[in-house]
N, C-alpha and C. Protein backbone atom coordinates (compact mmCIF):
# COMPACT_ATOMS: atom_id res chain seq x y z
N MET A 1 32.92 49.75 -74.03
CA MET A 1 31.40 49.89 -73.51
C MET A 1 30.76 48.54 -73.62
N SER A 2 31.44 48.01 -74.43
CA SER A 2 30.76 46.44 -74.66
C SER A 2 30.92 45.59 -73.56
N ASN A 3 31.92 46.07 -72.11
CA ASN A 3 32.00 44.98 -71.63
C ASN A 3 30.70 45.54 -70.10
N LEU A 4 29.79 46.67 -70.29
CA LEU A 4 28.66 46.86 -69.71
C LEU A 4 27.75 46.65 -69.73
N PRO A 5 26.89 45.77 -68.93
CA PRO A 5 25.35 44.82 -69.02
C PRO A 5 24.51 45.89 -69.91
N ASN A 6 23.66 45.21 -70.43
CA ASN A 6 22.93 45.97 -71.59
C ASN A 6 21.58 46.52 -70.75
N VAL A 7 21.60 46.69 -69.97
CA VAL A 7 20.14 46.95 -69.24
C VAL A 7 19.15 48.21 -69.24
N HIS A 8 18.28 48.60 -70.13
CA HIS A 8 17.63 49.34 -70.54
C HIS A 8 16.94 50.14 -69.19
N PRO A 9 17.10 51.45 -68.84
CA PRO A 9 15.89 51.61 -67.99
C PRO A 9 14.65 51.86 -68.41
N PRO A 10 13.57 51.56 -67.52
CA PRO A 10 12.03 51.21 -68.05
C PRO A 10 11.44 52.72 -68.58
N TRP A 11 12.13 53.69 -68.73
CA TRP A 11 11.58 54.45 -69.55
C TRP A 11 12.10 54.42 -71.40
N CYS A 12 13.22 53.44 -71.48
CA CYS A 12 13.77 53.65 -72.69
C CYS A 12 12.93 53.18 -73.88
N LEU A 13 13.08 54.14 -75.03
CA LEU A 13 12.16 53.45 -76.21
C LEU A 13 12.96 52.64 -77.08
N ARG A 14 13.73 52.31 -76.25
CA ARG A 14 14.73 50.84 -77.36
C ARG A 14 14.50 50.95 -78.63
N GLY A 15 14.79 52.42 -79.17
CA GLY A 15 14.44 52.44 -80.81
C GLY A 15 15.55 52.18 -81.81
N PRO A 16 16.25 53.10 -82.69
CA PRO A 16 17.42 52.84 -83.09
C PRO A 16 18.66 53.57 -82.30
N ASP A 17 17.93 54.58 -82.06
CA ASP A 17 19.25 55.57 -81.15
C ASP A 17 19.49 54.91 -79.88
N CYS A 18 18.60 53.94 -79.36
CA CYS A 18 18.91 53.33 -77.72
C CYS A 18 20.17 52.70 -78.16
N ALA A 19 21.08 52.93 -76.84
CA ALA A 19 22.14 51.96 -76.32
C ALA A 19 22.78 51.16 -77.74
N GLY A 20 22.84 52.28 -78.80
CA GLY A 20 23.94 51.90 -79.90
C GLY A 20 25.39 51.60 -79.52
N GLY A 21 26.38 51.90 -80.58
CA GLY A 21 27.60 52.07 -80.06
C GLY A 21 27.98 53.31 -79.39
N ASN A 22 27.38 54.07 -78.57
CA ASN A 22 27.54 54.97 -78.16
C ASN A 22 26.90 55.01 -76.34
N GLY A 23 26.06 53.78 -76.01
CA GLY A 23 25.31 53.51 -74.86
C GLY A 23 24.36 54.53 -74.75
N LEU A 24 23.95 55.34 -75.20
CA LEU A 24 22.77 56.21 -75.01
C LEU A 24 21.49 55.76 -75.14
N HIS A 25 20.50 55.87 -73.53
CA HIS A 25 19.17 55.75 -73.69
C HIS A 25 18.45 57.01 -73.69
N LEU A 26 17.46 56.65 -74.38
CA LEU A 26 16.67 57.96 -74.55
C LEU A 26 14.88 57.47 -74.32
N SER A 27 14.35 58.53 -73.26
CA SER A 27 12.80 58.27 -73.47
C SER A 27 12.37 59.02 -74.19
N ARG A 28 10.87 58.78 -74.50
CA ARG A 28 9.96 59.57 -75.38
C ARG A 28 10.05 60.89 -74.76
N LEU A 29 9.72 61.64 -76.01
CA LEU A 29 9.73 63.36 -75.63
C LEU A 29 8.47 63.76 -75.24
N VAL A 30 8.32 64.82 -74.48
CA VAL A 30 7.09 65.21 -74.24
C VAL A 30 7.07 66.58 -74.37
N GLY A 31 6.21 66.93 -75.49
CA GLY A 31 5.51 67.90 -75.68
C GLY A 31 5.29 69.40 -74.74
N THR A 32 5.89 70.77 -74.92
CA THR A 32 5.30 71.68 -74.06
C THR A 32 4.46 72.80 -74.64
N ALA A 33 3.83 72.38 -76.09
CA ALA A 33 3.54 73.33 -76.78
C ALA A 33 1.58 73.69 -75.98
N VAL A 34 1.08 74.47 -75.75
CA VAL A 34 0.16 75.12 -75.35
C VAL A 34 -0.91 75.17 -76.38
N ARG A 35 -0.42 76.03 -77.39
CA ARG A 35 -1.82 76.58 -78.31
C ARG A 35 -1.30 75.43 -79.67
N GLY A 36 -0.23 75.04 -79.86
CA GLY A 36 0.11 74.22 -81.08
C GLY A 36 0.59 75.23 -82.44
N ASP A 37 0.68 76.23 -82.05
CA ASP A 37 1.12 77.02 -83.25
C ASP A 37 2.40 77.79 -82.64
N GLU A 38 3.04 77.61 -81.86
CA GLU A 38 4.14 78.17 -81.03
C GLU A 38 5.49 77.88 -82.32
N VAL A 39 6.21 79.04 -82.40
CA VAL A 39 7.21 79.11 -83.66
C VAL A 39 8.48 78.30 -82.99
N ILE A 40 8.67 78.16 -81.54
CA ILE A 40 9.70 77.57 -81.44
C ILE A 40 9.11 75.88 -80.69
N GLN A 41 9.47 75.16 -80.83
CA GLN A 41 8.61 73.85 -80.28
C GLN A 41 9.86 73.52 -79.12
N ALA A 42 9.41 73.25 -78.01
CA ALA A 42 10.09 72.97 -77.08
C ALA A 42 9.55 71.12 -76.26
N GLU A 43 10.47 69.99 -76.27
CA GLU A 43 10.04 69.07 -75.73
C GLU A 43 11.31 68.52 -74.77
N LEU A 44 10.60 67.84 -73.80
CA LEU A 44 11.49 67.20 -72.97
C LEU A 44 11.66 65.52 -72.39
N GLY A 45 12.36 65.28 -72.42
CA GLY A 45 12.83 63.55 -72.03
C GLY A 45 13.47 63.40 -71.03
N LEU A 46 13.98 62.05 -70.98
CA LEU A 46 14.98 61.51 -69.95
C LEU A 46 16.57 61.04 -71.31
N TRP A 47 17.61 60.69 -70.37
CA TRP A 47 18.87 60.56 -71.21
C TRP A 47 19.51 59.73 -70.17
N ARG A 48 20.10 58.54 -70.39
CA ARG A 48 21.16 57.92 -69.50
C ARG A 48 22.43 57.37 -70.59
N MET A 49 23.39 57.70 -70.12
CA MET A 49 24.72 57.27 -71.13
C MET A 49 25.32 55.89 -70.14
N ASP A 50 25.53 54.56 -70.86
CA ASP A 50 25.88 53.88 -70.37
C ASP A 50 27.71 53.81 -70.67
N VAL A 51 28.24 54.56 -69.59
CA VAL A 51 29.83 54.66 -69.47
C VAL A 51 29.91 54.70 -68.27
N GLY A 52 31.05 53.99 -67.75
CA GLY A 52 32.18 53.61 -66.51
C GLY A 52 31.22 53.49 -65.39
N PRO A 53 30.79 53.59 -64.05
CA PRO A 53 30.68 52.96 -63.25
C PRO A 53 29.20 53.46 -62.85
N THR A 54 29.55 54.81 -63.00
CA THR A 54 28.11 55.34 -62.47
C THR A 54 27.76 56.28 -63.94
N SER A 55 26.46 55.42 -64.64
CA SER A 55 26.08 56.40 -65.85
C SER A 55 25.62 57.33 -65.62
N PRO A 56 26.03 58.89 -66.67
CA PRO A 56 25.39 59.85 -66.44
C PRO A 56 24.33 59.89 -66.58
N SER A 57 23.38 60.90 -66.41
CA SER A 57 21.63 60.68 -66.81
C SER A 57 21.15 61.82 -66.27
N GLY A 58 19.99 62.34 -67.25
CA GLY A 58 19.02 63.58 -66.68
C GLY A 58 18.25 63.95 -67.36
N LEU A 59 17.37 65.03 -67.83
CA LEU A 59 17.12 65.53 -68.32
C LEU A 59 17.68 65.86 -70.13
N LEU A 60 16.79 65.71 -70.89
CA LEU A 60 17.17 65.69 -72.45
C LEU A 60 16.42 67.04 -72.80
N LEU A 61 16.60 68.20 -73.10
CA LEU A 61 15.55 69.30 -73.66
C LEU A 61 16.15 69.36 -75.42
N GLU A 62 14.80 69.40 -75.81
CA GLU A 62 14.99 69.47 -77.44
C GLU A 62 13.83 70.77 -77.69
N PHE A 63 14.70 71.64 -78.85
CA PHE A 63 14.38 72.72 -79.30
C PHE A 63 14.27 72.62 -80.77
N SER A 64 12.99 72.82 -81.33
CA SER A 64 13.09 72.93 -82.76
C SER A 64 12.46 74.25 -83.30
N ALA A 65 12.57 74.70 -84.56
CA ALA A 65 12.14 75.59 -85.29
C ALA A 65 12.25 75.41 -87.01
N GLY A 66 10.71 74.64 -87.14
CA GLY A 66 10.99 74.29 -88.57
C GLY A 66 11.92 73.24 -88.62
N GLU A 67 12.65 72.65 -89.52
CA GLU A 67 13.54 72.06 -89.73
C GLU A 67 14.68 71.68 -88.48
N ASP A 68 14.88 72.99 -87.86
CA ASP A 68 16.11 73.16 -87.02
C ASP A 68 15.87 72.33 -85.86
N VAL A 69 16.84 71.39 -85.18
CA VAL A 69 16.74 70.89 -83.95
C VAL A 69 17.51 70.65 -83.02
N GLU A 70 17.46 70.97 -82.26
CA GLU A 70 18.99 71.38 -81.34
C GLU A 70 18.45 70.19 -79.72
N ARG A 71 19.32 69.64 -79.78
CA ARG A 71 19.01 68.55 -77.88
C ARG A 71 20.25 69.02 -77.30
N TRP A 72 19.88 69.35 -76.04
CA TRP A 72 20.78 69.90 -75.07
C TRP A 72 20.27 68.69 -73.69
N PRO A 73 21.71 67.56 -73.72
CA PRO A 73 21.22 67.09 -72.41
C PRO A 73 21.64 67.64 -71.18
N LEU A 74 21.14 67.46 -70.37
CA LEU A 74 21.88 68.36 -69.55
C LEU A 74 21.84 67.01 -67.65
N ASP A 75 22.50 67.50 -67.12
CA ASP A 75 23.06 65.94 -66.14
C ASP A 75 22.09 66.29 -65.00
N LEU A 76 22.02 64.88 -64.17
CA LEU A 76 21.15 65.46 -63.24
C LEU A 76 20.95 66.48 -61.89
N PRO A 77 22.00 67.05 -61.69
CA PRO A 77 22.15 68.15 -60.63
C PRO A 77 21.87 69.07 -61.45
N GLN A 78 22.43 69.48 -62.63
CA GLN A 78 21.88 70.82 -63.52
C GLN A 78 20.46 70.74 -63.74
N SER A 79 19.70 69.22 -64.06
CA SER A 79 18.31 69.24 -64.06
C SER A 79 17.60 69.31 -62.77
N HIS A 80 17.78 69.03 -61.85
CA HIS A 80 17.46 69.45 -60.35
C HIS A 80 17.56 71.05 -60.69
N MET A 81 18.52 71.80 -60.82
CA MET A 81 18.77 73.02 -60.19
C MET A 81 17.80 73.46 -61.05
N LEU A 82 17.40 73.38 -62.76
CA LEU A 82 16.64 74.17 -63.58
C LEU A 82 15.21 73.95 -63.25
N ALA A 83 15.00 72.62 -62.59
CA ALA A 83 13.14 72.40 -62.18
C ALA A 83 13.15 73.58 -60.77
N ARG A 84 14.34 73.92 -59.99
CA ARG A 84 13.78 74.52 -59.17
C ARG A 84 14.14 75.72 -59.40
N ALA A 85 14.81 76.23 -60.35
CA ALA A 85 15.07 77.90 -60.89
C ALA A 85 13.86 78.06 -61.63
N SER A 86 13.09 77.28 -62.45
CA SER A 86 12.22 77.28 -63.27
C SER A 86 10.67 77.75 -62.32
N GLN A 87 10.70 77.00 -61.31
CA GLN A 87 9.48 77.49 -60.00
C GLN A 87 9.89 78.78 -59.67
N ARG A 88 10.87 78.87 -58.92
CA ARG A 88 11.22 80.31 -58.49
C ARG A 88 10.47 81.46 -59.66
N LEU A 89 11.47 81.56 -60.70
CA LEU A 89 11.21 82.38 -61.51
C LEU A 89 9.86 82.52 -62.22
N LEU A 90 9.44 81.45 -62.36
CA LEU A 90 7.67 81.56 -63.05
C LEU A 90 6.53 81.81 -62.09
N GLY A 91 7.54 81.57 -60.54
CA GLY A 91 6.21 82.35 -59.37
C GLY A 91 6.48 83.97 -59.25
N ARG A 92 7.18 84.53 -59.92
CA ARG A 92 7.81 86.13 -60.03
C ARG A 92 6.65 86.52 -61.28
N LEU A 93 6.48 85.50 -62.23
CA LEU A 93 5.61 86.13 -63.64
C LEU A 93 4.39 86.09 -63.03
N THR A 94 3.75 84.90 -62.27
CA THR A 94 2.81 84.34 -61.61
C THR A 94 2.23 84.23 -60.29
N PRO A 95 2.27 85.20 -59.24
CA PRO A 95 2.25 84.77 -58.35
C PRO A 95 1.13 83.98 -57.73
N GLY A 96 1.30 83.09 -57.09
CA GLY A 96 0.40 81.92 -56.48
C GLY A 96 0.42 80.58 -57.32
N THR A 97 1.11 80.64 -58.51
CA THR A 97 0.88 79.47 -59.42
C THR A 97 2.15 78.33 -59.09
N ALA A 98 3.14 78.91 -58.61
CA ALA A 98 4.72 77.83 -58.58
C ALA A 98 4.92 78.38 -56.96
N ARG A 99 5.23 76.91 -56.58
CA ARG A 99 5.68 76.89 -55.48
C ARG A 99 6.90 77.03 -55.26
N ALA A 100 7.56 77.79 -54.09
CA ALA A 100 8.72 78.45 -53.74
C ALA A 100 9.66 77.33 -53.86
N ALA A 101 10.82 77.22 -53.98
CA ALA A 101 11.80 76.06 -53.94
C ALA A 101 12.93 76.91 -53.05
């Protein structure tokens, strides 16, 4: 990975986790709490890893409950599918609030 250019995406935090030995870039996480007292916290961000000619990238899902934190990187095709599937499913719960995908 040392022969790859160290070009940060504009959304990269450039913190201690950014593009170290693993070539990983992370964005700021966006919280999804509505009330603030949810037992499970969910946050969403972007990731990219500088490997090979085409850098894999997509959405980063972070779920936490107390001290336990899980991070799940989804690649770009999975991220697009998750967005479309989420809109369809949420539309079934609250008709008229989500666009059909």
